Amino acid sequence: MRFDLTDLKLFLAVAESGSITAGAELTHLALASASARIRGMEDVLGVPLLERDRRGVEPTDAGRTLLHHARVITQQMQRMRADLGQHASGLKGQIRVLCNTSALAEFLPEALAGFMASHPQVNIDLEERLSYDIVQAMRDGLADIGVIADSVDYSGLQTFPFRDDQLVLAMSPGHPLALQLKRRRSAAFEEALGYEFIGLAGDSALQKYVAEQAAKTGKRLAYRVRLRSLDAVCRMAAGGAGVAVLPESAVLRAQGAMTIRHVKLTDAWAVRKLLICVREVDALPGYARELVESLKTP
């Protein structure tokens, strides 16, 4: 199979624009050359990659498979160019880390700060995502290290323990739910679903995860307000604005500055192990392997 980057970029452009003519223009190829390249790919594979009609083209099942791999390869090439370009200015390493909300807000800042202080020529590209999105990205080779909850299927990846993450219900001591629970130290998630919630902003991996759990009960969370930080959510909850689902570590830290009550969630999904995941630790650059070692549970 002999495809070059021009073939893959052309196929991406054609599939995304729905037109061979438009794809040829986007990749600066003559239409005849673009058509010949598409036919050449189909001949090599022995299957049609595009379905053609009067409205344009769209990928076949085989074409969608090629489209997925073409995106992965072009993204990796872009990352390679960016990483190598930074070496010209003295940078020795770039590590791409994907993590969920709890890891990003509660555990990684301190751990990464220590590593970066001792590795001044290594940069870290850190991005928050849902755990199952992280697993897929790791399998596709789009990141070096992931930090995920153990509630997802991470088969095929190497994992190492990172931290424990207990989710809790947080509220002011005078909130009706707090009064309902009285002296209890734990509660089921469904007991809170009749109340209004304070949540994290829509792109938060934690908030998406909590919303999914509510949906499984057949209910939707009723939000009063959604904020960007765990600290802001804690302050709103302490002020009586509503109920929040938060990592216990965030609430315990907040209790030094405000009066906020919390009870542990008894649902199985609320007790999570955070894991470091990689495709193959021995295949990582030395500085990335050192980061994995530094992040493992002390």
C-alpha atoms as a PDB file:
ATOM      1  CA  MET A   1       0.000   0.000   0.000  1.00  0.00           C
ATOM      2  CA  ARG A   2       1.645   3.229  -1.139  1.00  0.00           C
ATOM      3  CA  PHE A   3      -0.079   6.407   0.021  1.00  0.00           C
ATOM      4  CA  ASP A   4       1.815   9.635   0.561  1.00  0.00           C
ATOM      5  CA  LEU A   5       0.828  12.630   2.685  1.00  0.00           C
ATOM      6  CA  THR A   6      -0.530  14.438  -0.373  1.00  0.00           C
ATOM      7  CA  ASP A   7      -2.924  11.516  -0.981  1.00  0.00           C
ATOM      8  CA  LEU A   8      -4.126  11.584   2.621  1.00  0.00           C
ATOM      9  CA  LYS A   9      -4.528  15.374   2.711  1.00  0.00           C
ATOM     10  CA  LEU A  10      -6.426  15.247  -0.571  1.00  0.00           C
ATOM     11  CA  PHE A  11      -8.767  12.527   0.694  1.00  0.00           C
ATOM     12  CA  LEU A  12      -9.419  14.519   3.898  1.00  0.00           C
ATOM     13  CA  ALA A  13     -10.215  17.637   1.881  1.00  0.00           C
ATOM     14  CA  VAL A  14     -12.495  15.766  -0.530  1.00  0.00           C
ATOM     15  CA  ALA A  15     -14.358  13.913   2.248  1.00  0.00           C
ATOM     16  CA  GLU A  16     -14.830  17.035   4.365  1.00  0.00           C
ATOM     17  CA  SER A  17     -15.895  19.274   1.455  1.00  0.00           C
ATOM     18  CA  GLY A  18     -18.018  16.614  -0.267  1.00  0.00           C
ATOM     19  CA  SER A  19     -16.458  17.446  -3.608  1.00  0.00           C
ATOM     20  CA  ILE A  20     -13.400  16.281  -5.558  1.00  0.00           C
ATOM     21  CA  THR A  21     -13.228  19.690  -7.232  1.00  0.00           C
ATOM     22  CA  ALA A  22     -13.221  21.513  -3.889  1.00  0.00           C
ATOM     23  CA  GLY A  23     -10.753  19.024  -2.430  1.00  0.00           C
ATOM     24  CA  ALA A  24      -8.412  19.589  -5.367  1.00  0.00           C
ATOM     25  CA  GLU A  25      -8.575  23.362  -4.851  1.00  0.00           C
ATOM     26  CA  LEU A  26      -7.925  23.071  -1.118  1.00  0.00           C
ATOM     27  CA  THR A  27      -4.827  20.953  -1.701  1.00  0.00           C
ATOM     28  CA  HIS A  28      -3.644  23.005  -4.705  1.00  0.00           C
ATOM     29  CA  LEU A  29      -3.933  20.142  -7.191  1.00  0.00           C
ATOM     30  CA  ALA A  30      -5.353  20.104 -10.689  1.00  0.00           C
ATOM     31  CA  LEU A  31      -8.722  18.358 -10.857  1.00  0.00           C
ATOM     32  CA  ALA A  32      -7.371  15.664 -13.208  1.00  0.00           C
ATOM     33  CA  SER A  33      -4.469  14.968 -10.857  1.00  0.00           C
ATOM     34  CA  ALA A  34      -6.762  14.811  -7.830  1.00  0.00           C
ATOM     35  CA  SER A  35      -9.161  12.421  -9.569  1.00  0.00           C
ATOM     36  CA  ALA A  36      -6.254  10.196 -10.623  1.00  0.00           C
ATOM     37  CA  ARG A  37      -4.927  10.082  -7.056  1.00  0.00           C
ATOM     38  CA  ILE A  38      -8.337   9.070  -5.662  1.00  0.00           C
ATOM     39  CA  ARG A  39      -8.685   6.347  -8.311  1.00  0.00           C
ATOM     40  CA  GLY A  40      -5.154   5.172  -7.517  1.00  0.00           C
ATOM     41  CA  MET A  41      -5.993   4.769  -3.834  1.00  0.00           C
ATOM     42  CA  GLU A  42      -9.131   2.818  -4.710  1.00  0.00           C
ATOM     43  CA  ASP A  43      -7.175   0.596  -7.096  1.00  0.00           C
ATOM     44  CA  VAL A  44      -4.507  -0.141  -4.468  1.00  0.00           C
ATOM     45  CA  LEU A  45      -7.099  -0.994  -1.811  1.00  0.00           C
ATOM     46  CA  GLY A  46      -9.417  -2.831  -4.191  1.00  0.00           C
ATOM     47  CA  VAL A  47     -12.530  -1.113  -2.782  1.00  0.00           C
ATOM     48  CA  PRO A  48     -14.364   2.141  -3.574  1.00  0.00           C
ATOM     49  CA  LEU A  49     -13.618   4.946  -1.132  1.00  0.00           C
ATOM     50  CA  LEU A  50     -16.229   7.438  -2.305  1.00  0.00           C
ATOM     51  CA  GLU A  51     -19.855   7.237  -3.371  1.00  0.00           C
ATOM     52  CA  ARG A  52     -20.461   9.658  -6.246  1.00  0.00           C
ATOM     53  CA  ASP A  53     -23.758  11.286  -7.215  1.00  0.00           C
ATOM     54  CA  ARG A  54     -25.007  14.589  -8.650  1.00  0.00           C
ATOM     55  CA  ARG A  55     -24.713  16.329  -5.290  1.00  0.00           C
ATOM     56  CA  GLY A  56     -21.067  15.407  -4.786  1.00  0.00           C
ATOM     57  CA  VAL A  57     -19.251  12.607  -2.972  1.00  0.00           C
ATOM     58  CA  GLU A  58     -19.282  11.018   0.449  1.00  0.00           C
ATOM     59  CA  PRO A  59     -17.074   8.308   1.972  1.00  0.00           C
ATOM     60  CA  THR A  60     -18.036   4.641   1.807  1.00  0.00           C
ATOM     61  CA  ASP A  61     -17.485   2.448   4.872  1.00  0.00           C
ATOM     62  CA  ALA A  62     -13.926   1.835   3.669  1.00  0.00           C
ATOM     63  CA  GLY A  63     -13.575   5.548   3.017  1.00  0.00           C
ATOM     64  CA  ARG A  64     -14.622   6.396   6.575  1.00  0.00           C
ATOM     65  CA  THR A  65     -11.988   3.998   7.894  1.00  0.00           C
ATOM     66  CA  LEU A  66      -9.360   5.682   5.726  1.00  0.00           C
ATOM     67  CA  LEU A  67     -10.651   9.096   6.838  1.00  0.00           C
ATOM     68  CA  HIS A  68     -10.099   8.194  10.494  1.00  0.00           C
ATOM     69  CA  HIS A  69      -6.524   7.065   9.887  1.00  0.00           C
ATOM     70  CA  ALA A  70      -5.787  10.035   7.642  1.00  0.00           C
ATOM     71  CA  ARG A  71      -6.852  12.420  10.423  1.00  0.00           C
ATOM     72  CA  VAL A  72      -4.668  10.619  12.969  1.00  0.00           C
ATOM     73  CA  ILE A  73      -1.636  10.656  10.668  1.00  0.00           C
ATOM     74  CA  THR A  74      -1.982  14.323   9.686  1.00  0.00           C
ATOM     75  CA  GLN A  75      -2.490  15.362  13.313  1.00  0.00           C
ATOM     76  CA  GLN A  76       0.633  13.439  14.297  1.00  0.00           C
ATOM     77  CA  MET A  77       2.589  15.127  11.506  1.00  0.00           C
ATOM     78  CA  GLN A  78       1.436  18.545  12.690  1.00  0.00           C
ATOM     79  CA  ARG A  79       2.475  17.705  16.257  1.00  0.00           C
ATOM     80  CA  MET A  80       5.844  16.430  15.035  1.00  0.00           C
ATOM     81  CA  ARG A  81       6.550  19.644  13.135  1.00  0.00           C
ATOM     82  CA  ALA A  82       5.513  21.767  16.134  1.00  0.00           C
ATOM     83  CA  ASP A  83       7.616  19.710  18.555  1.00  0.00           C
ATOM     84  CA  LEU A  84      10.686  19.698  16.321  1.00  0.00           C
ATOM     85  CA  GLY A  85      10.338  23.414  15.649  1.00  0.00           C
ATOM     86  CA  GLN A  86      10.616  24.129  19.349  1.00  0.00           C
ATOM     87  CA  HIS A  87      13.926  22.261  19.587  1.00  0.00           C
ATOM     88  CA  ALA A  88      15.514  25.048  17.547  1.00  0.00           C
ATOM     89  CA  SER A  89      14.909  27.386  20.507  1.00  0.00           C
ATOM     90  CA  GLY A  90      16.508  25.005  23.017  1.00  0.00           C
ATOM     91  CA  LEU A  91      13.482  22.941  24.052  1.00  0.00           C
ATOM     92  CA  LYS A  92      14.385  19.306  24.615  1.00  0.00           C
ATOM     93  CA  GLY A  93      10.946  17.810  25.066  1.00  0.00           C
ATOM     94  CA  GLN A  94       7.194  18.267  24.705  1.00  0.00           C
ATOM     95  CA  ILE A  95       4.747  15.993  26.535  1.00  0.00           C
ATOM     96  CA  ARG A  96       1.047  15.932  25.654  1.00  0.00           C
ATOM     97  CA  VAL A  97      -1.077  14.991  28.670  1.00  0.00           C
ATOM     98  CA  LEU A  98      -4.857  14.433  28.642  1.00  0.00           C
ATOM     99  CA  CYS A  99      -6.719  14.298  31.959  1.00  0.00           C
ATOM    100  CA  ASN A 100     -10.177  14.411  33.491  1.00  0.00           C
ATOM    101  CA  THR A 101     -11.522  17.282  35.629  1.00  0.00           C
ATOM    102  CA  SER A 102     -10.587  15.883  39.037  1.00  0.00           C
ATOM    103  CA  ALA A 103      -6.997  15.194  37.981  1.00  0.00           C
ATOM    104  CA  LEU A 104      -6.658  18.640  36.414  1.00  0.00           C
ATOM    105  CA  ALA A 105      -8.151  20.616  39.294  1.00  0.00           C
ATOM    106  CA  GLU A 106      -7.035  18.632  42.313  1.00  0.00           C
ATOM    107  CA  PHE A 107      -3.920  16.557  41.751  1.00  0.00           C
ATOM    108  CA  LEU A 108      -1.919  17.402  38.638  1.00  0.00           C
ATOM    109  CA  PRO A 109      -0.959  21.075  39.213  1.00  0.00           C
ATOM    110  CA  GLU A 110       1.277  20.333  42.194  1.00  0.00           C
ATOM    111  CA  ALA A 111       2.683  17.128  40.688  1.00  0.00           C
ATOM    112  CA  LEU A 112       3.462  18.746  37.335  1.00  0.00           C
ATOM    113  CA  ALA A 113       4.918  21.886  38.899  1.00  0.00           C
ATOM    114  CA  GLY A 114       7.531  19.824  40.735  1.00  0.00           C
ATOM    115  CA  PHE A 115       8.432  17.901  37.585  1.00  0.00           C
ATOM    116  CA  MET A 116       8.675  21.032  35.438  1.00  0.00           C
ATOM    117  CA  ALA A 117      10.850  22.795  38.016  1.00  0.00           C
ATOM    118  CA  SER A 118      13.352  19.952  37.797  1.00  0.00           C
ATOM    119  CA  HIS A 119      13.035  19.677  33.980  1.00  0.00           C
ATOM    120  CA  PRO A 120      13.228  23.289  32.719  1.00  0.00           C
ATOM    121  CA  GLN A 121      13.642  22.268  29.076  1.00  0.00           C
ATOM    122  CA  VAL A 122      10.481  20.144  28.957  1.00  0.00           C
ATOM    123  CA  ASN A 123       7.087  21.691  28.117  1.00  0.00           C
ATOM    124  CA  ILE A 124       3.734  20.074  28.925  1.00  0.00           C
ATOM    125  CA  ASP A 125       0.614  20.448  26.782  1.00  0.00           C
ATOM    126  CA  LEU A 126      -2.259  19.720  29.202  1.00  0.00           C
ATOM    127  CA  GLU A 127      -5.879  19.273  28.095  1.00  0.00           C
ATOM    128  CA  GLU A 128      -9.052  18.274  29.949  1.00  0.00           C
ATOM    129  CA  ARG A 129     -11.266  15.583  28.400  1.00  0.00           C
ATOM    130  CA  LEU A 130     -13.709  12.849  29.404  1.00  0.00           C
ATOM    131  CA  SER A 131     -12.005   9.620  30.444  1.00  0.00           C
ATOM    132  CA  TYR A 132     -13.395   7.562  27.560  1.00  0.00           C
ATOM    133  CA  ASP A 133     -12.275  10.247  25.071  1.00  0.00           C
ATOM    134  CA  ILE A 134      -8.805  10.104  26.609  1.00  0.00           C
ATOM    135  CA  VAL A 135      -8.652   6.326  26.186  1.00  0.00           C
ATOM    136  CA  GLN A 136      -9.556   6.608  22.493  1.00  0.00           C
ATOM    137  CA  ALA A 137      -7.023   9.383  21.950  1.00  0.00           C
ATOM    138  CA  MET A 138      -4.331   7.288  23.631  1.00  0.00           C
ATOM    139  CA  ARG A 139      -5.148   4.291  21.433  1.00  0.00           C
ATOM    140  CA  ASP A 140      -4.953   6.551  18.377  1.00  0.00           C
ATOM    141  CA  GLY A 141      -1.550   7.841  19.463  1.00  0.00           C
ATOM    142  CA  LEU A 142      -2.747  11.454  19.878  1.00  0.00           C
ATOM    143  CA  ALA A 143      -1.220  11.944  23.337  1.00  0.00           C
ATOM    144  CA  ASP A 144       1.722  10.674  25.364  1.00  0.00           C
ATOM    145  CA  ILE A 145       0.104  10.266  28.790  1.00  0.00           C
ATOM    146  CA  GLY A 146      -3.500  10.127  29.979  1.00  0.00           C
ATOM    147  CA  VAL A 147      -5.031  10.367  33.452  1.00  0.00           C
ATOM    148  CA  ILE A 148      -8.416   8.623  33.570  1.00  0.00           C
ATOM    149  CA  ALA A 149     -10.993   7.217  35.955  1.00  0.00           C
ATOM    150  CA  ASP A 150     -11.085   3.427  36.214  1.00  0.00           C
ATOM    151  CA  SER A 151     -14.781   3.448  35.264  1.00  0.00           C
ATOM    152  CA  VAL A 152     -13.935   3.219  31.535  1.00  0.00           C
ATOM    153  CA  ASP A 153     -12.608   0.360  29.421  1.00  0.00           C
ATOM    154  CA  TYR A 154      -8.863   0.950  29.106  1.00  0.00           C
ATOM    155  CA  SER A 155      -7.934  -2.433  27.640  1.00  0.00           C
ATOM    156  CA  GLY A 156      -4.869  -2.334  25.417  1.00  0.00           C
ATOM    157  CA  LEU A 157      -3.214   0.426  27.452  1.00  0.00           C
ATOM    158  CA  GLN A 158      -0.639   0.205  30.233  1.00  0.00           C
ATOM    159  CA  THR A 159      -1.928   1.737  33.470  1.00  0.00           C
ATOM    160  CA  PHE A 160      -0.443   2.794  36.793  1.00  0.00           C
ATOM    161  CA  PRO A 161      -2.200   4.011  39.981  1.00  0.00           C
ATOM    162  CA  PHE A 162      -2.396   7.781  40.396  1.00  0.00           C
ATOM    163  CA  ARG A 163      -4.882   8.940  43.074  1.00  0.00           C
ATOM    164  CA  ASP A 164      -8.255   8.036  44.625  1.00  0.00           C
ATOM    165  CA  ASP A 165     -11.197  10.286  43.733  1.00  0.00           C
ATOM    166  CA  GLN A 166     -14.329  10.250  45.924  1.00  0.00           C
ATOM    167  CA  LEU A 167     -17.250  12.361  44.694  1.00  0.00           C
ATOM    168  CA  VAL A 168     -19.512  14.032  47.258  1.00  0.00           C
ATOM    169  CA  LEU A 169     -22.626  16.167  47.499  1.00  0.00           C
ATOM    170  CA  ALA A 170     -21.726  19.671  48.720  1.00  0.00           C
ATOM    171  CA  MET A 171     -24.152  22.293  50.070  1.00  0.00           C
ATOM    172  CA  SER A 172     -24.605  24.880  52.783  1.00  0.00           C
ATOM    173  CA  PRO A 173     -25.502  23.551  56.276  1.00  0.00           C
ATOM    174  CA  GLY A 174     -28.877  25.283  55.995  1.00  0.00           C
ATOM    175  CA  HIS A 175     -29.809  23.892  52.580  1.00  0.00           C
ATOM    176  CA  PRO A 176     -33.012  21.757  52.586  1.00  0.00           C
ATOM    177  CA  LEU A 177     -31.036  18.697  51.457  1.00  0.00           C
ATOM    178  CA  ALA A 178     -28.598  19.159  54.346  1.00  0.00           C
ATOM    179  CA  LEU A 179     -31.535  19.363  56.741  1.00  0.00           C
ATOM    180  CA  GLN A 180     -33.123  16.292  55.129  1.00  0.00           C
ATOM    181  CA  LEU A 181     -29.922  14.279  55.563  1.00  0.00           C
ATOM    182  CA  LYS A 182     -29.428  15.594  59.125  1.00  0.00           C
ATOM    183  CA  ARG A 183     -26.460  13.749  60.645  1.00  0.00           C
ATOM    184  CA  ARG A 184     -25.933  11.322  57.783  1.00  0.00           C
ATOM    185  CA  ARG A 185     -22.476  11.129  56.238  1.00  0.00           C
ATOM    186  CA  SER A 186     -23.491   9.564  52.948  1.00  0.00           C
ATOM    187  CA  ALA A 187     -26.362   9.589  50.476  1.00  0.00           C
ATOM    188  CA  ALA A 188     -27.407   8.212  47.109  1.00  0.00           C
ATOM    189  CA  PHE A 189     -27.273  10.552  44.121  1.00  0.00           C
ATOM    190  CA  GLU A 190     -31.011  10.150  43.466  1.00  0.00           C
ATOM    191  CA  GLU A 191     -31.769  11.754  46.846  1.00  0.00           C
ATOM    192  CA  ALA A 192     -30.403  15.043  45.496  1.00  0.00           C
ATOM    193  CA  LEU A 193     -32.040  15.029  42.069  1.00  0.00           C
ATOM    194  CA  GLY A 194     -35.111  16.923  43.237  1.00  0.00           C
ATOM    195  CA  TYR A 195     -32.977  19.982  44.065  1.00  0.00           C
ATOM    196  CA  GLU A 196     -31.327  22.625  41.916  1.00  0.00           C
ATOM    197  CA  PHE A 197     -27.642  22.193  41.154  1.00  0.00           C
ATOM    198  CA  ILE A 198     -24.571  24.329  40.808  1.00  0.00           C
ATOM    199  CA  GLY A 199     -22.371  22.922  38.072  1.00  0.00           C
ATOM    200  CA  LEU A 200     -19.160  23.375  36.191  1.00  0.00           C
ATOM    201  CA  ALA A 201     -19.189  24.940  32.731  1.00  0.00           C
ATOM    202  CA  GLY A 202     -20.428  22.826  29.824  1.00  0.00           C
ATOM    203  CA  ASP A 203     -17.016  21.683  28.603  1.00  0.00           C
ATOM    204  CA  SER A 204     -16.100  20.225  31.998  1.00  0.00           C
ATOM    205  CA  ALA A 205     -15.399  16.485  31.839  1.00  0.00           C
ATOM    206  CA  LEU A 206     -16.651  16.036  35.430  1.00  0.00           C
ATOM    207  CA  GLN A 207     -19.950  17.803  34.756  1.00  0.00           C
ATOM    208  CA  LYS A 208     -20.575  15.718  31.645  1.00  0.00           C
ATOM    209  CA  TYR A 209     -19.882  12.590  33.684  1.00  0.00           C
ATOM    210  CA  VAL A 210     -22.324  13.621  36.429  1.00  0.00           C
ATOM    211  CA  ALA A 211     -24.987  14.553  33.860  1.00  0.00           C
ATOM    212  CA  GLU A 212     -24.636  11.084  32.306  1.00  0.00           C
ATOM    213  CA  GLN A 213     -25.304   9.476  35.690  1.00  0.00           C
ATOM    214  CA  ALA A 214     -28.440  11.591  36.119  1.00  0.00           C
ATOM    215  CA  ALA A 215     -29.609  10.594  32.625  1.00  0.00           C
ATOM    216  CA  LYS A 216     -29.285   6.920  33.565  1.00  0.00           C
ATOM    217  CA  THR A 217     -31.945   7.500  36.233  1.00  0.00           C
ATOM    218  CA  GLY A 218     -34.238   9.056  33.626  1.00  0.00           C
ATOM    219  CA  LYS A 219     -33.786  12.567  35.035  1.00  0.00           C
ATOM    220  CA  ARG A 220     -31.911  15.719  34.058  1.00  0.00           C
ATOM    221  CA  LEU A 221     -29.953  17.988  36.353  1.00  0.00           C
ATOM    222  CA  ALA A 222     -31.636  21.352  36.969  1.00  0.00           C
ATOM    223  CA  TYR A 223     -28.864  23.966  37.020  1.00  0.00           C
ATOM    224  CA  ARG A 224     -29.121  27.356  38.682  1.00  0.00           C
ATOM    225  CA  VAL A 225     -25.671  28.424  37.582  1.00  0.00           C
ATOM    226  CA  ARG A 226     -22.569  26.909  35.974  1.00  0.00           C
ATOM    227  CA  LEU A 227     -19.099  28.145  36.801  1.00  0.00           C
ATOM    228  CA  ARG A 228     -15.547  27.658  35.584  1.00  0.00           C
ATOM    229  CA  SER A 229     -13.727  26.550  38.741  1.00  0.00           C
ATOM    230  CA  LEU A 230     -14.264  24.091  41.587  1.00  0.00           C
ATOM    231  CA  ASP A 231     -13.505  26.870  44.088  1.00  0.00           C
ATOM    232  CA  ALA A 232     -16.272  29.056  42.629  1.00  0.00           C
ATOM    233  CA  VAL A 233     -18.724  26.134  42.782  1.00  0.00           C
ATOM    234  CA  CYS A 234     -17.786  25.535  46.436  1.00  0.00           C
ATOM    235  CA  ARG A 235     -18.413  29.201  47.261  1.00  0.00           C
ATOM    236  CA  MET A 236     -21.812  29.150  45.587  1.00  0.00           C
ATOM    237  CA  ALA A 237     -22.769  25.943  47.392  1.00  0.00           C
ATOM    238  CA  ALA A 238     -21.585  27.325  50.735  1.00  0.00           C
ATOM    239  CA  GLY A 239     -23.724  30.412  50.114  1.00  0.00           C
ATOM    240  CA  GLY A 240     -26.867  28.299  49.742  1.00  0.00           C
ATOM    241  CA  ALA A 241     -27.366  28.632  45.968  1.00  0.00           C
ATOM    242  CA  GLY A 242     -27.773  24.906  45.386  1.00  0.00           C
ATOM    243  CA  VAL A 243     -26.225  21.432  45.539  1.00  0.00           C
ATOM    244  CA  ALA A 244     -23.001  20.446  43.798  1.00  0.00           C
ATOM    245  CA  VAL A 245     -21.239  17.173  43.001  1.00  0.00           C
ATOM    246  CA  LEU A 246     -17.540  17.683  43.631  1.00  0.00           C
ATOM    247  CA  PRO A 247     -14.340  15.776  44.409  1.00  0.00           C
ATOM    248  CA  GLU A 248     -14.079  15.367  48.175  1.00  0.00           C
ATOM    249  CA  SER A 249     -10.550  16.781  48.094  1.00  0.00           C
ATOM    250  CA  ALA A 250     -11.870  20.082  46.679  1.00  0.00           C
ATOM    251  CA  VAL A 251     -14.492  20.417  49.419  1.00  0.00           C
ATOM    252  CA  LEU A 252     -12.068  19.550  52.207  1.00  0.00           C
ATOM    253  CA  ARG A 253      -9.702  22.244  50.962  1.00  0.00           C
ATOM    254  CA  ALA A 254     -12.556  24.773  50.763  1.00  0.00           C
ATOM    255  CA  GLN A 255     -13.657  24.085  54.340  1.00  0.00           C
ATOM    256  CA  GLY A 256     -10.641  26.032  55.570  1.00  0.00           C
ATOM    257  CA  ALA A 257     -12.102  29.205  54.050  1.00  0.00           C
ATOM    258  CA  MET A 258     -15.881  28.702  54.229  1.00  0.00           C
ATOM    259  CA  THR A 259     -18.649  26.755  55.932  1.00  0.00           C
ATOM    260  CA  ILE A 260     -19.736  24.013  53.565  1.00  0.00           C
ATOM    261  CA  ARG A 261     -21.231  20.623  54.339  1.00  0.00           C
ATOM    262  CA  HIS A 262     -20.624  17.494  52.288  1.00  0.00           C
ATOM    263  CA  VAL A 263     -21.810  13.887  52.302  1.00  0.00           C
ATOM    264  CA  LYS A 264     -20.193  11.064  50.369  1.00  0.00           C
ATOM    265  CA  LEU A 265     -22.105   9.618  47.444  1.00  0.00           C
ATOM    266  CA  THR A 266     -22.791   5.907  47.906  1.00  0.00           C
ATOM    267  CA  ASP A 267     -23.190   5.191  44.171  1.00  0.00           C
ATOM    268  CA  ALA A 268     -20.529   2.899  42.732  1.00  0.00           C
ATOM    269  CA  TRP A 269     -19.681   5.426  39.989  1.00  0.00           C
ATOM    270  CA  ALA A 270     -18.798   8.046  42.618  1.00  0.00           C
ATOM    271  CA  VAL A 271     -15.819   6.127  44.016  1.00  0.00           C
ATOM    272  CA  ARG A 272     -13.130   6.211  41.370  1.00  0.00           C
ATOM    273  CA  LYS A 273      -9.518   5.256  41.041  1.00  0.00           C
ATOM    274  CA  LEU A 274      -7.555   7.653  38.867  1.00  0.00           C
ATOM    275  CA  LEU A 275      -5.050   5.913  36.637  1.00  0.00           C
ATOM    276  CA  ILE A 276      -2.104   7.005  34.516  1.00  0.00           C
ATOM    277  CA  CYS A 277      -2.363   5.382  31.096  1.00  0.00           C
ATOM    278  CA  VAL A 278       0.090   5.082  28.203  1.00  0.00           C
ATOM    279  CA  ARG A 279       0.262   2.982  25.062  1.00  0.00           C
ATOM    280  CA  GLU A 280       3.665   1.541  25.970  1.00  0.00           C
ATOM    281  CA  VAL A 281       5.817   3.161  28.634  1.00  0.00           C
ATOM    282  CA  ASP A 282       9.082   1.803  27.201  1.00  0.00           C
ATOM    283  CA  ALA A 283       8.312   3.490  23.858  1.00  0.00           C
ATOM    284  CA  LEU A 284       8.072   6.956  25.450  1.00  0.00           C
ATOM    285  CA  PRO A 285      10.989   9.406  25.339  1.00  0.00           C
ATOM    286  CA  GLY A 286      13.104   9.337  28.491  1.00  0.00           C
ATOM    287  CA  TYR A 287      11.691  12.586  29.898  1.00  0.00           C
ATOM    288  CA  ALA A 288       8.110  11.303  29.414  1.00  0.00           C
ATOM    289  CA  ARG A 289       8.973   8.055  31.223  1.00  0.00           C
ATOM    290  CA  GLU A 290      10.361  10.175  34.077  1.00  0.00           C
ATOM    291  CA  LEU A 291       7.053  12.055  34.260  1.00  0.00           C
ATOM    292  CA  VAL A 292       5.117   8.782  34.478  1.00  0.00           C
ATOM    293  CA  GLU A 293       7.356   7.657  37.352  1.00  0.00           C
ATOM    294  CA  SER A 294       6.909  10.982  39.168  1.00  0.00           C
ATOM    295  CA  LEU A 295       3.101  10.793  38.870  1.00  0.00           C
ATOM    296  CA  LYS A 296       2.644   7.292  40.236  1.00  0.00           C
ATOM    297  CA  THR A 297       0.941   6.991  43.636  1.00  0.00           C
ATOM    298  CA  PRO A 298       3.522   7.926  46.297  1.00  0.00           C
END
